[in-house]
Amino acid sequence: MKVIILLILLSLVIALGFLMAFLWAVRNGQYDDDYTPSVRILLDKEQTENNKS
């Protein structure tokens, strides 16, 4: 019985750790994506053409 309680507590601590890491990443803008990759590849080509001239 003591092992089950220990495992439940350990899993809760790990889950809270992952939740805190996720919230930290969201607050720091890790998931902000102004342009999708398909749009970025089109913009990169235009930028390189402008830089060459």
PDB file of N, CA and C in Angstrom:
ATOM      1  N   MET A   1       0.821  -1.192   0.000  1.00  0.00           N
ATOM      2  CA  MET A   1       0.000   0.000   0.000  1.00  0.00           C
ATOM      3  C   MET A   1       0.871   1.265   0.000  1.00  0.00           C
ATOM      4  N   LYS A   2       1.970   1.192   0.731  1.00  0.00           N
ATOM      5  CA  LYS A   2       2.863   2.351   0.792  1.00  0.00           C
ATOM      6  C   LYS A   2       3.490   2.635  -0.569  1.00  0.00           C
ATOM      7  N   VAL A   3       3.721   1.583  -1.333  1.00  0.00           N
ATOM      8  CA  VAL A   3       4.322   1.758  -2.655  1.00  0.00           C
ATOM      9  C   VAL A   3       3.362   2.480  -3.590  1.00  0.00           C
ATOM     10  N   ILE A   4       2.089   2.163  -3.531  1.00  0.00           N
ATOM     11  CA  ILE A   4       1.096   2.810  -4.389  1.00  0.00           C
ATOM     12  C   ILE A   4       1.011   4.297  -4.067  1.00  0.00           C
ATOM     13  N   ILE A   5       0.994   4.638  -2.796  1.00  0.00           N
ATOM     14  CA  ILE A   5       0.942   6.044  -2.394  1.00  0.00           C
ATOM     15  C   ILE A   5       2.195   6.772  -2.864  1.00  0.00           C
ATOM     16  N   LEU A   6       3.343   6.137  -2.740  1.00  0.00           N
ATOM     17  CA  LEU A   6       4.595   6.731  -3.196  1.00  0.00           C
ATOM     18  C   LEU A   6       4.574   6.959  -4.703  1.00  0.00           C
ATOM     19  N   LEU A   7       4.086   5.991  -5.457  1.00  0.00           N
ATOM     20  CA  LEU A   7       4.019   6.133  -6.908  1.00  0.00           C
ATOM     21  C   LEU A   7       3.034   7.224  -7.326  1.00  0.00           C
ATOM     22  N   ILE A   8       1.921   7.339  -6.637  1.00  0.00           N
ATOM     23  CA  ILE A   8       0.949   8.388  -6.954  1.00  0.00           C
ATOM     24  C   ILE A   8       1.554   9.758  -6.678  1.00  0.00           C
ATOM     25  N   LEU A   9       2.207   9.916  -5.555  1.00  0.00           N
ATOM     26  CA  LEU A   9       2.836  11.189  -5.228  1.00  0.00           C
ATOM     27  C   LEU A   9       3.950  11.527  -6.213  1.00  0.00           C
ATOM     28  N   LEU A  10       4.728  10.544  -6.587  1.00  0.00           N
ATOM     29  CA  LEU A  10       5.804  10.760  -7.542  1.00  0.00           C
ATOM     30  C   LEU A  10       5.248  11.162  -8.911  1.00  0.00           C
ATOM     31  N   SER A  11       4.173  10.522  -9.330  1.00  0.00           N
ATOM     32  CA  SER A  11       3.577  10.872 -10.622  1.00  0.00           C
ATOM     33  C   SER A  11       2.972  12.273 -10.590  1.00  0.00           C
ATOM     34  N   LEU A  12       2.409  12.678  -9.461  1.00  0.00           N
ATOM     35  CA  LEU A  12       1.876  14.030  -9.345  1.00  0.00           C
ATOM     36  C   LEU A  12       2.985  15.076  -9.399  1.00  0.00           C
ATOM     37  N   VAL A  13       4.110  14.796  -8.772  1.00  0.00           N
ATOM     38  CA  VAL A  13       5.239  15.721  -8.811  1.00  0.00           C
ATOM     39  C   VAL A  13       5.769  15.854 -10.232  1.00  0.00           C
ATOM     40  N   ILE A  14       5.889  14.758 -10.938  1.00  0.00           N
ATOM     41  CA  ILE A  14       6.363  14.798 -12.326  1.00  0.00           C
ATOM     42  C   ILE A  14       5.373  15.535 -13.214  1.00  0.00           C
ATOM     43  N   ALA A  15       4.083  15.285 -13.028  1.00  0.00           N
ATOM     44  CA  ALA A  15       3.058  15.968 -13.826  1.00  0.00           C
ATOM     45  C   ALA A  15       3.081  17.473 -13.562  1.00  0.00           C
ATOM     46  N   LEU A  16       3.244  17.875 -12.323  1.00  0.00           N
ATOM     47  CA  LEU A  16       3.330  19.299 -12.016  1.00  0.00           C
ATOM     48  C   LEU A  16       4.583  19.920 -12.614  1.00  0.00           C
ATOM     49  N   GLY A  17       5.662  19.167 -12.667  1.00  0.00           N
ATOM     50  CA  GLY A  17       6.882  19.654 -13.299  1.00  0.00           C
ATOM     51  C   GLY A  17       6.677  19.903 -14.785  1.00  0.00           C
ATOM     52  N   PHE A  18       6.023  18.975 -15.464  1.00  0.00           N
ATOM     53  CA  PHE A  18       5.739  19.163 -16.886  1.00  0.00           C
ATOM     54  C   PHE A  18       4.775  20.330 -17.107  1.00  0.00           C
ATOM     55  N   LEU A  19       3.794  20.489 -16.233  1.00  0.00           N
ATOM     56  CA  LEU A  19       2.861  21.604 -16.353  1.00  0.00           C
ATOM     57  C   LEU A  19       3.586  22.935 -16.172  1.00  0.00           C
ATOM     58  N   MET A  20       4.475  23.015 -15.207  1.00  0.00           N
ATOM     59  CA  MET A  20       5.237  24.248 -14.987  1.00  0.00           C
ATOM     60  C   MET A  20       6.146  24.543 -16.173  1.00  0.00           C
ATOM     61  N   ALA A  21       6.765  23.525 -16.753  1.00  0.00           N
ATOM     62  CA  ALA A  21       7.620  23.726 -17.923  1.00  0.00           C
ATOM     63  C   ALA A  21       6.798  24.205 -19.113  1.00  0.00           C
ATOM     64  N   PHE A  22       5.615  23.650 -19.293  1.00  0.00           N
ATOM     65  CA  PHE A  22       4.739  24.073 -20.387  1.00  0.00           C
ATOM     66  C   PHE A  22       4.305  25.522 -20.209  1.00  0.00           C
ATOM     67  N   LEU A  23       3.891  25.891 -19.005  1.00  0.00           N
ATOM     68  CA  LEU A  23       3.465  27.262 -18.759  1.00  0.00           C
ATOM     69  C   LEU A  23       4.622  28.240 -18.933  1.00  0.00           C
ATOM     70  N   TRP A  24       5.814  27.857 -18.531  1.00  0.00           N
ATOM     71  CA  TRP A  24       6.988  28.698 -18.723  1.00  0.00           C
ATOM     72  C   TRP A  24       7.247  28.917 -20.210  1.00  0.00           C
ATOM     73  N   ALA A  25       7.123  27.856 -20.999  1.00  0.00           N
ATOM     74  CA  ALA A  25       7.361  27.955 -22.438  1.00  0.00           C
ATOM     75  C   ALA A  25       6.313  28.851 -23.100  1.00  0.00           C
ATOM     76  N   VAL A  26       5.074  28.753 -22.677  1.00  0.00           N
ATOM     77  CA  VAL A  26       4.018  29.582 -23.257  1.00  0.00           C
ATOM     78  C   VAL A  26       4.252  31.046 -22.908  1.00  0.00           C
ATOM     79  N   ARG A  27       4.620  31.320 -21.671  1.00  0.00           N
ATOM     80  CA  ARG A  27       4.843  32.714 -21.255  1.00  0.00           C
ATOM     81  C   ARG A  27       6.055  33.326 -21.938  1.00  0.00           C
ATOM     82  N   ASN A  28       7.038  32.534 -22.289  1.00  0.00           N
ATOM     83  CA  ASN A  28       8.237  33.052 -22.946  1.00  0.00           C
ATOM     84  C   ASN A  28       8.105  33.098 -24.458  1.00  0.00           C
ATOM     85  N   GLY A  29       6.944  32.746 -24.984  1.00  0.00           N
ATOM     86  CA  GLY A  29       6.703  32.874 -26.418  1.00  0.00           C
ATOM     87  C   GLY A  29       7.275  31.752 -27.255  1.00  0.00           C
ATOM     88  N   GLN A  30       7.479  30.584 -26.681  1.00  0.00           N
ATOM     89  CA  GLN A  30       8.029  29.474 -27.442  1.00  0.00           C
ATOM     90  C   GLN A  30       7.064  28.972 -28.505  1.00  0.00           C
ATOM     91  N   TYR A  31       5.774  29.197 -28.304  1.00  0.00           N
ATOM     92  CA  TYR A  31       4.782  28.693 -29.250  1.00  0.00           C
ATOM     93  C   TYR A  31       4.224  29.786 -30.151  1.00  0.00           C
ATOM     94  N   ASP A  32       4.778  30.986 -30.071  1.00  0.00           N
ATOM     95  CA  ASP A  32       4.333  32.061 -30.947  1.00  0.00           C
ATOM     96  C   ASP A  32       4.870  31.826 -32.347  1.00  0.00           C
ATOM     97  N   ASP A  33       3.984  31.851 -33.307  1.00  0.00           N
ATOM     98  CA  ASP A  33       4.378  31.659 -34.697  1.00  0.00           C
ATOM     99  C   ASP A  33       3.585  32.646 -35.535  1.00  0.00           C
ATOM    100  N   ASP A  34       4.227  33.769 -35.876  1.00  0.00           N
ATOM    101  CA  ASP A  34       3.531  34.794 -36.643  1.00  0.00           C
ATOM    102  C   ASP A  34       3.241  34.343 -38.061  1.00  0.00           C
ATOM    103  N   TYR A  35       4.162  33.599 -38.651  1.00  0.00           N
ATOM    104  CA  TYR A  35       3.995  33.094 -40.007  1.00  0.00           C
ATOM    105  C   TYR A  35       4.172  31.587 -39.996  1.00  0.00           C
ATOM    106  N   THR A  36       3.349  30.924 -40.745  1.00  0.00           N
ATOM    107  CA  THR A  36       3.510  29.488 -40.856  1.00  0.00           C
ATOM    108  C   THR A  36       4.731  29.201 -41.722  1.00  0.00           C
ATOM    109  N   PRO A  37       5.283  28.003 -41.648  1.00  0.00           N
ATOM    110  CA  PRO A  37       6.464  27.706 -42.458  1.00  0.00           C
ATOM    111  C   PRO A  37       6.238  27.886 -43.955  1.00  0.00           C
ATOM    112  N   SER A  38       5.031  27.641 -44.422  1.00  0.00           N
ATOM    113  CA  SER A  38       4.786  27.810 -45.864  1.00  0.00           C
ATOM    114  C   SER A  38       4.868  29.276 -46.275  1.00  0.00           C
ATOM    115  N   VAL A  39       4.464  30.175 -45.407  1.00  0.00           N
ATOM    116  CA  VAL A  39       4.550  31.600 -45.716  1.00  0.00           C
ATOM    117  C   VAL A  39       5.994  32.074 -45.570  1.00  0.00           C
ATOM    118  N   ARG A  40       6.700  31.560 -44.553  1.00  0.00           N
ATOM    119  CA  ARG A  40       8.080  31.978 -44.335  1.00  0.00           C
ATOM    120  C   ARG A  40       8.977  31.612 -45.513  1.00  0.00           C
ATOM    121  N   ILE A  41       8.748  30.488 -46.132  1.00  0.00           N
ATOM    122  CA  ILE A  41       9.612  30.096 -47.253  1.00  0.00           C
ATOM    123  C   ILE A  41       9.395  31.039 -48.434  1.00  0.00           C
ATOM    124  N   LEU A  42       8.179  31.538 -48.607  1.00  0.00           N
ATOM    125  CA  LEU A  42       7.933  32.498 -49.681  1.00  0.00           C
ATOM    126  C   LEU A  42       8.582  33.842 -49.366  1.00  0.00           C
ATOM    127  N   LEU A  43       8.527  34.255 -48.123  1.00  0.00           N
ATOM    128  CA  LEU A  43       9.117  35.531 -47.732  1.00  0.00           C
ATOM    129  C   LEU A  43      10.639  35.472 -47.777  1.00  0.00           C
ATOM    130  N   ASP A  44      11.230  34.324 -47.464  1.00  0.00           N
ATOM    131  CA  ASP A  44      12.683  34.191 -47.514  1.00  0.00           C
ATOM    132  C   ASP A  44      13.197  34.409 -48.937  1.00  0.00           C
ATOM    133  N   LYS A  45      12.482  33.906 -49.926  1.00  0.00           N
ATOM    134  CA  LYS A  45      12.911  34.060 -51.304  1.00  0.00           C
ATOM    135  C   LYS A  45      12.876  35.524 -51.715  1.00  0.00           C
ATOM    136  N   GLU A  46      11.832  36.245 -51.329  1.00  0.00           N
ATOM    137  CA  GLU A  46      11.724  37.660 -51.644  1.00  0.00           C
ATOM    138  C   GLU A  46      12.825  38.463 -50.961  1.00  0.00           C
ATOM    139  N   GLN A  47      13.149  38.111 -49.736  1.00  0.00           N
ATOM    140  CA  GLN A  47      14.178  38.833 -49.001  1.00  0.00           C
ATOM    141  C   GLN A  47      15.553  38.614 -49.622  1.00  0.00           C
ATOM    142  N   THR A  48      15.842  37.400 -50.063  1.00  0.00           N
ATOM    143  CA  THR A  48      17.149  37.152 -50.649  1.00  0.00           C
ATOM    144  C   THR A  48      17.287  37.838 -52.000  1.00  0.00           C
ATOM    145  N   GLU A  49      16.205  37.936 -52.753  1.00  0.00           N
ATOM    146  CA  GLU A  49      16.248  38.652 -54.017  1.00  0.00           C
ATOM    147  C   GLU A  49      16.483  40.140 -53.796  1.00  0.00           C
ATOM    148  N   ASN A  50      15.869  40.700 -52.771  1.00  0.00           N
ATOM    149  CA  ASN A  50      16.058  42.117 -52.468  1.00  0.00           C
ATOM    150  C   ASN A  50      17.476  42.385 -51.965  1.00  0.00           C
ATOM    151  N   ASN A  51      18.056  41.442 -51.251  1.00  0.00           N
ATOM    152  CA  ASN A  51      19.399  41.623 -50.718  1.00  0.00           C
ATOM    153  C   ASN A  51      20.459  41.557 -51.817  1.00  0.00           C
ATOM    154  N   LYS A  52      20.209  40.811 -52.894  1.00  0.00           N
ATOM    155  CA  LYS A  52      21.192  40.666 -53.971  1.00  0.00           C
ATOM    156  C   LYS A  52      21.299  41.935 -54.802  1.00  0.00           C
ATOM    157  N   SER A  53      20.212  42.671 -54.946  1.00  0.00           N
ATOM    158  CA  SER A  53      20.247  43.862 -55.803  1.00  0.00           C
ATOM    159  C   SER A  53      20.718  45.104 -55.076  1.00  0.00           C
TER     160      SER A  53
END
